[in-house]
C-alpha atoms as a PDB file:
ATOM      1  CA  ALA A   1     105.222 116.852-105.814  1.00  0.00           C
ATOM      2  CA  GLN A   2     103.785 114.236-108.119  1.00  0.00           C
ATOM      3  CA  LEU A   3     100.931 111.748-108.166  1.00  0.00           C
ATOM      4  CA  ALA A   4     102.034 108.108-108.051  1.00  0.00           C
ATOM      5  CA  PRO A   5     100.316 104.733-107.716  1.00  0.00           C
ATOM      6  CA  LEU A   6      99.927 104.038-103.995  1.00  0.00           C
ATOM      7  CA  ALA A   7     101.684 100.640-104.110  1.00  0.00           C
ATOM      8  CA  ASP A   8     104.687 102.098-105.986  1.00  0.00           C
ATOM      9  CA  ALA A   9     104.938 105.066-103.630  1.00  0.00           C
ATOM     10  CA  ARG A  10     104.762 102.840-100.526  1.00  0.00           C
ATOM     11  CA  ALA A  11     107.810 100.929-101.827  1.00  0.00           C
ATOM     12  CA  VAL A  12     110.065 104.004-101.393  1.00  0.00           C
ATOM     13  CA  SER A  13     112.281 103.109 -98.420  1.00  0.00           C
ATOM     14  CA  ALA A  14     112.658 106.556 -96.836  1.00  0.00           C
ATOM     15  CA  LEU A  15     108.993 107.497 -97.113  1.00  0.00           C
ATOM     16  CA  ARG A  16     107.284 109.158 -94.156  1.00  0.00           C
ATOM     17  CA  ALA A  17     103.566 108.607 -93.802  1.00  0.00           C
ATOM     18  CA  VAL A  18     101.191 108.865 -90.860  1.00  0.00           C
ATOM     19  CA  PHE A  19     100.400 105.437 -89.395  1.00  0.00           C
ATOM     20  CA  GLY A  20      96.726 104.573 -89.769  1.00  0.00           C
ATOM     21  CA  GLU A  21      96.055 107.347 -92.283  1.00  0.00           C
ATOM     22  CA  ALA A  22      94.107 106.412 -95.412  1.00  0.00           C
ATOM     23  CA  TYR A  23      95.736 107.738 -98.564  1.00  0.00           C
ATOM     24  CA  PRO A  24      94.123 107.902-101.992  1.00  0.00           C
ATOM     25  CA  ASP A  25      95.325 105.893-105.000  1.00  0.00           C
ATOM     26  CA  PRO A  26      97.058 107.556-106.714  1.00  0.00           C
ATOM     27  CA  VAL A  27      98.700 109.395-103.821  1.00  0.00           C
ATOM     28  CA  ARG A  28     100.488 112.738-103.929  1.00  0.00           C
ATOM     29  CA  VAL A  29     104.171 112.257-103.078  1.00  0.00           C
ATOM     30  CA  VAL A  30     106.044 115.334-101.860  1.00  0.00           C
ATOM     31  CA  SER A  31     109.837 115.160-102.010  1.00  0.00           C
ATOM     32  CA  VAL A  32     112.460 117.726-101.071  1.00  0.00           C
ATOM     33  CA  GLY A  33     115.838 117.008-102.617  1.00  0.00           C
ATOM     34  CA  VAL A  34     115.021 114.209-105.078  1.00  0.00           C
ATOM     35  CA  PRO A  35     112.516 114.243-107.970  1.00  0.00           C
ATOM     36  CA  VAL A  36     109.650 111.820-107.340  1.00  0.00           C
ATOM     37  CA  ALA A  37     110.346 110.058-110.671  1.00  0.00           C
ATOM     38  CA  GLU A  38     113.841 109.142-109.394  1.00  0.00           C
ATOM     39  CA  LEU A  39     112.392 107.804-106.129  1.00  0.00           C
ATOM     40  CA  LEU A  40     109.949 105.593-107.994  1.00  0.00           C
ATOM     41  CA  ALA A  41     112.665 104.347-110.373  1.00  0.00           C
ATOM     42  CA  ALA A  42     114.920 103.186-107.491  1.00  0.00           C
ATOM     43  CA  PRO A  43     112.670 102.902-104.405  1.00  0.00           C
ATOM     44  CA  THR A  44     115.182 101.058-102.181  1.00  0.00           C
ATOM     45  CA  ASN A  45     118.109 103.459-102.712  1.00  0.00           C
ATOM     46  CA  ASP A  46     119.702 104.178 -99.302  1.00  0.00           C
ATOM     47  CA  ALA A  47     120.493 107.740-100.415  1.00  0.00           C
ATOM     48  CA  TRP A  48     116.805 108.657-100.074  1.00  0.00           C
ATOM     49  CA  ALA A  49     117.169 108.613 -96.278  1.00  0.00           C
ATOM     50  CA  ALA A  50     118.851 112.033 -96.522  1.00  0.00           C
ATOM     51  CA  SER A  51     115.751 113.540 -98.157  1.00  0.00           C
ATOM     52  CA  SER A  52     112.298 114.491 -96.963  1.00  0.00           C
ATOM     53  CA  ILE A  53     109.749 112.249 -98.721  1.00  0.00           C
ATOM     54  CA  GLU A  54     106.143 112.245 -97.594  1.00  0.00           C
ATOM     55  CA  PHE A  55     102.624 111.325 -98.650  1.00  0.00           C
ATOM     56  CA  CYS A  56     100.113 114.094 -98.830  1.00  0.00           C
ATOM     57  CA  GLY A  57      96.419 113.404 -98.480  1.00  0.00           C
ATOM     58  CA  GLY A  58      95.230 116.967 -98.005  1.00  0.00           C
ATOM     59  CA  THR A  59      94.272 120.093 -99.853  1.00  0.00           C
ATOM     60  CA  HIS A  60      96.928 122.719-100.518  1.00  0.00           C
ATOM     61  CA  VAL A  61      97.189 126.291-101.700  1.00  0.00           C
ATOM     62  CA  GLN A  62     100.173 128.040-103.252  1.00  0.00           C
ATOM     63  CA  ARG A  63     100.086 130.859-100.672  1.00  0.00           C
ATOM     64  CA  THR A  64      98.202 131.201 -97.384  1.00  0.00           C
ATOM     65  CA  SER A  65      96.581 134.362 -98.787  1.00  0.00           C
ATOM     66  CA  ASP A  66      94.807 132.120-101.352  1.00  0.00           C
ATOM     67  CA  ALA A  67      92.798 130.496 -98.551  1.00  0.00           C
ATOM     68  CA  ARG A  68      90.788 133.665 -97.838  1.00  0.00           C
ATOM     69  CA  ALA A  69      88.207 133.178 -95.095  1.00  0.00           C
ATOM     70  CA  PHE A  70      88.001 129.802 -93.342  1.00  0.00           C
ATOM     71  CA  ALA A  71      87.125 128.339 -89.952  1.00  0.00           C
ATOM     72  CA  ILE A  72      89.169 125.864 -87.922  1.00  0.00           C
ATOM     73  CA  VAL A  73      86.764 123.288 -86.541  1.00  0.00           C
ATOM     74  CA  GLU A  74      89.231 120.812 -85.092  1.00  0.00           C
ATOM     75  CA  GLU A  75      92.919 120.526 -84.206  1.00  0.00           C
ATOM     76  CA  ALA A  76      94.616 117.408 -82.918  1.00  0.00           C
ATOM     77  CA  GLY A  77      97.960 115.683 -82.510  1.00  0.00           C
ATOM     78  CA  ILE A  78      98.012 112.644 -84.796  1.00  0.00           C
ATOM     79  CA  ALA A  79     101.645 111.597 -84.347  1.00  0.00           C
ATOM     80  CA  LYS A  80     104.747 112.828 -82.573  1.00  0.00           C
ATOM     81  CA  GLY A  81     105.411 116.305 -83.949  1.00  0.00           C
ATOM     82  CA  VAL A  82     102.450 116.140 -86.375  1.00  0.00           C
ATOM     83  CA  ARG A  83      99.309 118.234 -85.971  1.00  0.00           C
ATOM     84  CA  ARG A  84      96.139 118.087 -88.034  1.00  0.00           C
ATOM     85  CA  VAL A  85      93.988 121.159 -88.522  1.00  0.00           C
ATOM     86  CA  VAL A  86      90.508 120.608 -89.985  1.00  0.00           C
END
């Protein structure tokens, strides 16, 4: 994962982002299979379609055990196959 300017990150052709979601600028880009720097250098490369490339607007921990105690206050479907837990 790497932070990137929002406009540059949006130019990546195979990017998956949640419609209607507000992302910060810079945005965290998470890529499995291709380094984010390569995506940004050639954003229209058709090869990126074989990779998982997504925006991330949330908080993350390295391991679930790092979260310690927390409370789920809301859970909702925000897109097909995508759930949000708050």
